[in-house]
Structure formats: C-alpha cells, structure tokens
Protein backbone atom coordinates (compact mmCIF):
# COMPACT_ATOMS: atom_id res chain seq x y z
CA MET A 1 0.00 0.00 0.00
CA PHE A 2 2.85 2.37 0.90
CA ASN A 3 4.58 1.71 -2.44
CA PHE A 4 1.29 2.26 -4.25
CA LEU A 5 0.70 5.61 -2.56
CA ARG A 6 4.31 6.64 -3.16
CA SER A 7 4.00 5.73 -6.84
CA LYS A 8 0.74 7.64 -7.11
CA ASN A 9 2.23 10.73 -5.44
CA GLU A 10 5.24 10.62 -7.76
CA LYS A 11 2.95 10.49 -10.78
CA ILE A 12 0.98 13.51 -9.55
CA PHE A 13 4.24 15.36 -8.87
CA ALA A 14 5.54 14.56 -12.36
CA ILE A 15 2.29 15.75 -13.98
CA SER A 16 2.38 18.98 -11.94
CA LEU A 17 5.95 19.61 -12.99
CA LYS A 18 5.21 19.04 -16.66
CA TYR A 19 2.36 21.55 -16.44
CA ILE A 20 4.66 24.14 -14.85
CA LEU A 21 7.77 23.48 -16.94
CA GLY A 22 6.27 22.61 -20.31
CA PHE A 23 8.34 19.43 -20.57
CA SER A 24 8.74 16.11 -18.76
CA PRO A 25 11.73 15.92 -16.39
CA LYS A 26 14.44 13.37 -17.13
CA SER A 27 15.43 13.03 -13.47
CA LEU A 28 12.51 13.42 -11.09
CA SER A 29 14.73 13.16 -8.00
CA ILE A 30 16.52 16.45 -8.65
CA TYR A 31 13.17 18.26 -8.78
CA LYS A 32 12.05 16.60 -5.55
CA GLN A 33 15.15 18.03 -3.95
CA ALA A 34 14.29 21.47 -5.34
CA PHE A 35 11.18 21.51 -3.16
CA ARG A 36 12.66 19.84 -0.08
CA HIS A 37 13.02 22.31 2.76
CA ASN A 38 15.98 22.06 5.11
CA SER A 39 13.67 21.24 8.02
CA ILE A 40 12.88 17.81 6.59
CA ALA A 41 16.11 17.06 4.69
CA LYS A 42 18.53 14.32 5.68
CA GLU A 43 22.24 14.84 6.24
CA ILE A 44 24.43 13.68 3.37
CA LYS A 45 27.91 14.37 4.69
CA ASP A 46 29.66 16.75 7.10
CA GLY A 47 26.46 18.59 7.99
CA VAL A 48 25.36 19.07 4.37
CA LYS A 49 21.74 18.06 3.82
CA ASP A 50 19.86 16.98 0.70
CA SER A 51 17.68 20.08 0.92
CA ASN A 52 17.07 22.62 -1.83
CA GLU A 53 19.68 25.08 -0.54
CA ARG A 54 22.50 24.03 -2.89
CA LEU A 55 20.10 24.05 -5.85
CA GLU A 56 18.94 27.49 -4.73
CA PHE A 57 22.55 28.71 -4.88
CA LEU A 58 22.97 27.29 -8.39
CA GLY A 59 19.62 28.56 -9.61
CA ASP A 60 20.36 32.05 -8.38
CA SER A 61 23.47 32.23 -10.59
CA VAL A 62 21.75 30.70 -13.62
CA LEU A 63 18.72 33.00 -13.28
CA SER A 64 20.93 36.06 -12.89
CA THR A 65 22.84 35.19 -16.08
CA ILE A 66 19.67 34.59 -18.09
CA ILE A 67 18.09 37.87 -16.97
CA ALA A 68 21.33 39.78 -17.62
CA ASP A 69 21.49 38.37 -21.16
CA PHE A 70 17.81 39.18 -21.74
CA LEU A 71 18.18 42.81 -20.60
CA PHE A 72 21.47 43.27 -22.48
CA LYS A 73 19.78 42.31 -25.76
CA LYS A 74 16.47 44.06 -25.10
CA TYR A 75 18.03 47.41 -24.17
CA PRO A 76 21.17 47.86 -26.34
CA TYR A 77 21.51 51.55 -25.46
CA LYS A 78 21.13 51.37 -21.68
CA ASP A 79 24.17 51.65 -19.45
CA GLU A 80 25.46 49.16 -16.88
CA GLY A 81 23.81 50.95 -13.96
CA TYR A 82 20.36 50.79 -15.53
CA LEU A 83 20.73 47.12 -16.48
CA THR A 84 21.93 46.24 -12.98
CA LYS A 85 18.95 47.95 -11.36
CA MET A 86 16.52 46.22 -13.71
CA ARG A 87 18.05 42.80 -13.07
CA SER A 88 17.95 43.38 -9.31
CA LYS A 89 14.28 44.28 -9.55
CA ILE A 90 13.36 41.17 -11.55
CA VAL A 91 15.33 38.71 -9.38
CA SER A 92 14.48 40.38 -6.06
CA ARG A 93 13.26 38.08 -3.34
CA ASP A 94 9.87 39.79 -3.22
CA HIS A 95 9.36 39.37 -6.98
CA LEU A 96 10.47 35.72 -6.97
CA ASN A 97 8.10 35.00 -4.06
CA LYS A 98 5.21 36.36 -6.12
CA LEU A 99 6.25 34.40 -9.21
CA ALA A 100 6.45 31.19 -7.16
CA LEU A 101 2.89 31.73 -5.92
CA LYS A 102 1.64 32.34 -9.47
CA LEU A 103 3.14 29.02 -10.53
CA GLY A 104 1.78 27.22 -7.46
CA LEU A 105 5.24 26.18 -6.26
CA ASN A 106 4.18 26.72 -2.64
CA LYS A 107 1.96 23.63 -2.96
CA LEU A 108 4.94 21.46 -3.93
CA ILE A 109 7.25 22.45 -1.05
CA VAL A 110 7.87 19.65 1.45
CA GLN A 111 8.73 20.75 4.98
CA SER A 112 8.49 19.69 8.59
CA HIS A 113 5.06 19.94 10.18
CA THR A 114 6.62 22.05 12.94
CA THR A 115 8.05 24.58 10.46
CA GLN A 116 5.82 27.45 9.42
CA GLN A 117 5.95 28.27 5.73
CA ASN A 118 7.01 31.83 4.97
CA ALA A 119 7.19 33.87 1.78
CA SER A 120 10.95 33.46 1.33
CA MET A 121 10.52 29.67 1.03
CA ASN A 122 8.60 30.23 -2.19
CA GLY A 123 11.30 32.39 -3.77
CA ASN A 124 13.95 29.93 -2.62
CA ALA A 125 12.02 27.10 -4.27
CA PHE A 126 11.79 29.09 -7.51
CA GLU A 127 15.57 29.51 -7.64
CA ALA A 128 16.07 25.84 -6.73
CA LEU A 129 13.72 24.87 -9.55
CA VAL A 130 15.83 26.85 -12.03
CA GLY A 131 18.90 25.05 -10.68
CA ALA A 132 17.17 21.70 -11.13
CA ILE A 133 16.24 22.50 -14.73
CA PHE A 134 19.85 23.48 -15.43
CA LEU A 135 21.17 20.17 -14.07
CA ASP A 136 18.44 18.09 -15.68
CA ARG A 137 18.21 19.68 -19.15
CA GLY A 138 21.06 22.19 -19.45
CA PHE A 139 21.33 25.96 -19.77
CA SER A 140 19.31 26.27 -22.99
CA GLU A 141 16.23 24.64 -21.46
CA ALA A 142 16.57 26.75 -18.30
CA GLN A 143 16.80 29.85 -20.48
CA ASN A 144 13.80 28.77 -22.52
CA PHE A 145 11.78 28.25 -19.32
CA ILE A 146 12.61 31.71 -17.98
CA LEU A 147 12.10 33.56 -21.26
CA ASN A 148 9.06 31.78 -22.67
CA ARG A 149 7.16 30.59 -19.61
CA ILE A 150 8.06 33.20 -16.98
CA LEU A 151 8.93 36.53 -18.58
CA LYS A 152 6.47 36.09 -21.43
CA PHE A 153 3.42 35.29 -19.30
CA HIS A 154 4.12 36.36 -15.73
CA VAL A 155 6.41 39.40 -15.81
CA ASP A 156 5.40 42.86 -17.00
CA VAL A 157 8.86 44.17 -17.82
CA GLU A 158 7.58 47.58 -18.96
CA LYS A 159 5.74 48.04 -15.66
CA ILE A 160 8.87 47.12 -13.74
CA ILE A 161 10.82 49.69 -15.77
CA GLU A 162 8.27 52.37 -14.96
CA THR A 163 8.36 51.55 -11.28
CA GLU A 164 12.12 51.40 -11.18
CA THR A 165 12.70 54.70 -12.98
CA ASP A 166 9.98 56.84 -11.38
CA PHE A 167 12.38 58.55 -8.99
CA LYS A 168 10.44 61.80 -9.16
CA SER A 169 7.35 60.23 -7.56
CA LYS A 170 9.56 58.44 -5.03
CA LEU A 171 11.24 61.71 -4.07
CA ILE A 172 7.95 63.62 -3.79
CA GLU A 173 6.50 60.85 -1.62
CA TRP A 174 9.59 60.99 0.60
CA GLY A 175 9.20 64.79 0.87
CA GLN A 176 5.61 64.46 2.00
CA LYS A 177 6.55 61.96 4.71
CA GLU A 178 9.53 63.97 5.92
CA LYS A 179 7.72 67.33 5.56
CA LYS A 180 10.27 68.56 3.02
CA ASN A 181 9.46 70.89 0.15
CA ILE A 182 10.47 69.29 -3.17
CA HIS A 183 10.80 71.54 -6.19
CA PHE A 184 12.16 71.07 -9.73
CA LYS A 185 13.60 74.13 -11.46
CA ILE A 186 14.79 74.71 -15.02
CA MET A 187 18.27 76.18 -14.59
CA ASN A 188 19.08 76.46 -18.27
CA GLU A 189 17.80 75.65 -21.76
CA ASN A 190 20.66 75.00 -24.16
CA ASN A 191 20.21 74.62 -27.89
CA VAL A 192 22.22 71.67 -29.20
CA GLY A 193 21.86 71.61 -32.96
CA HIS A 194 18.14 71.68 -33.69
CA ASP A 195 17.27 70.30 -30.25
CA LYS A 196 16.87 71.94 -26.87
CA GLN A 197 18.61 70.49 -23.84
CA TYR A 198 17.12 71.13 -20.41
CA VAL A 199 19.16 71.52 -17.24
CA ILE A 200 16.92 70.64 -14.28
CA ALA A 201 17.79 71.16 -10.62
CA THR A 202 16.11 69.41 -7.73
CA LEU A 203 15.62 71.60 -4.68
CA VAL A 204 14.84 70.33 -1.18
CA ASN A 205 13.68 73.14 1.09
CA ASN A 206 15.01 75.59 -1.52
CA GLU A 207 18.48 74.01 -1.47
CA ILE A 208 19.84 72.63 -4.76
CA ILE A 209 20.77 68.98 -4.23
CA ALA A 210 21.42 67.85 -7.80
CA GLU A 211 21.36 69.04 -11.41
CA GLU A 212 20.97 66.90 -14.53
CA ARG A 213 20.45 67.57 -18.23
CA HIS A 214 18.60 65.87 -21.07
CA PHE A 215 16.84 66.69 -24.32
CA SER A 216 13.58 65.65 -22.69
CA LYS A 217 12.40 67.84 -19.83
CA LYS A 218 10.63 64.90 -18.21
CA LYS A 219 13.74 62.72 -18.45
CA ALA A 220 15.93 65.49 -17.06
CA GLU A 221 13.61 65.72 -14.04
CA GLN A 222 13.83 61.97 -13.54
CA LEU A 223 17.62 61.99 -13.75
CA SER A 224 17.83 64.91 -11.33
CA ALA A 225 15.42 63.19 -8.94
CA GLU A 226 17.45 59.97 -9.16
CA ALA A 227 20.67 61.81 -8.36
CA THR A 228 18.95 63.47 -5.42
CA CYS A 229 17.68 60.13 -4.11
CA THR A 230 21.21 58.77 -4.32
CA LYS A 231 22.75 61.73 -2.49
CA LEU A 232 20.12 61.68 0.26
CA GLY A 233 20.18 57.88 0.60
CA ILE A 234 16.51 57.48 -0.33
CA GLU A 235 15.83 53.86 -1.32
C-alpha cells in the first residue's frame, strides 16, 4: 500500500511539474530536492543536507545570467547601472516570491510539520527549480523556461521599468513623509543643434541637491530626482 501511494504521489508530482515546466523531467529526484526544505532534509555528509539550498545557490546564478542576457539584448543603449537595477528588480526576493505563488510552487514544497511556511521559502524554491532545470536539461532549457514561460506570461517588464525609474514620484512621496518641500527648477535651456537640452535642478527646502540635463524635460527631471535620491540615501 505504501509503495502504491508513493507511486501515485510521484505520478501527480511529475504531472504537476510538466504543467509548470512545459516538458517532462528526465530526473525526477533532482526536482524533488528542489522543493525539499531544510527542516525535513537528511544529512548527506559533514552537515550538508539533501535540501534545496545548494540548488537554490545554483539557480540564483543561472537566473541572474539569463536575466542579464535578456536585458542586455532588449536594451542595447542602456548603461550598466540601468541594467543592474533592472536585473535586481526582476530577481528580487519579493518578486520571486510572487512568481512562485503564481506558478503554485508553494503547494509542492515539502517541509516539517513544525516549520511554518514563509514567503521566502517560495522564492527559494523558484531559484532551486531553475537550478534543477539546469542540471536536468542544461542551460538552454533553463533559459527557454525563464524567457518563454516566466517573462512572457508572468512578468510585466515595462511596468517594472516604470516603477524602477519613477524617482520623481519616489522623491515627492519621501518629501511628504519627511515634511520637506520638493521643487524642480529649469536652470538652463541649451540649444544643441536643432534640439533643446534642459538643465533641471532638484531643490529640497530651496536648497539645490542635484542638477541633470537631457533633451527631454521629463527625463531630465527623472535623472535629477534619481541623483537626489542617491545623495540623500533614499531607497
């Protein structure tokens, strides 16, 4: 009876994985490990357990590389700072937790009955899953999973960009909380060829904190606000 139930559970697990991944795993055991929390894992050697922590470490690196490659190709004219911020936003623990819940990974996690499940377990399982795919099917399949089953259907990249770059709103919100007067002032309008370049200063309580320039007035304000956030340590 035990073997029957175990076989049945493995079949259900395999079907669930195929639905999530879009392909049938070659090695089911590596995926089982991806969802095995440390609280229920057995020791392998020298204190190392067969939990999902090592797969999480591997998956984190694989995921970071895939996202970096994706952003590098999608935004050929963005600098290193912008790409780094975007990657950090996509692979942040909070975002991975939400992605794991969308995929239903929380229902596959195996843990001790005495351990309370928390949000970080879900994000950890997501990274471990990516690590398992990499070991089971290689980098190309892991990349295909992230690009065509995660980013394509579950990640609004444009919305993330808008959130990440809206430093003006972030600064104004900070000013309201801290009772600071935030003001943006055009310091200069330079003609460069047929285009006009705006020099925008950000003032906090009438003190100039930063100045930035751009051909777009709106972009110049954003850049000035970003520089101000950096100088004031506003996260």
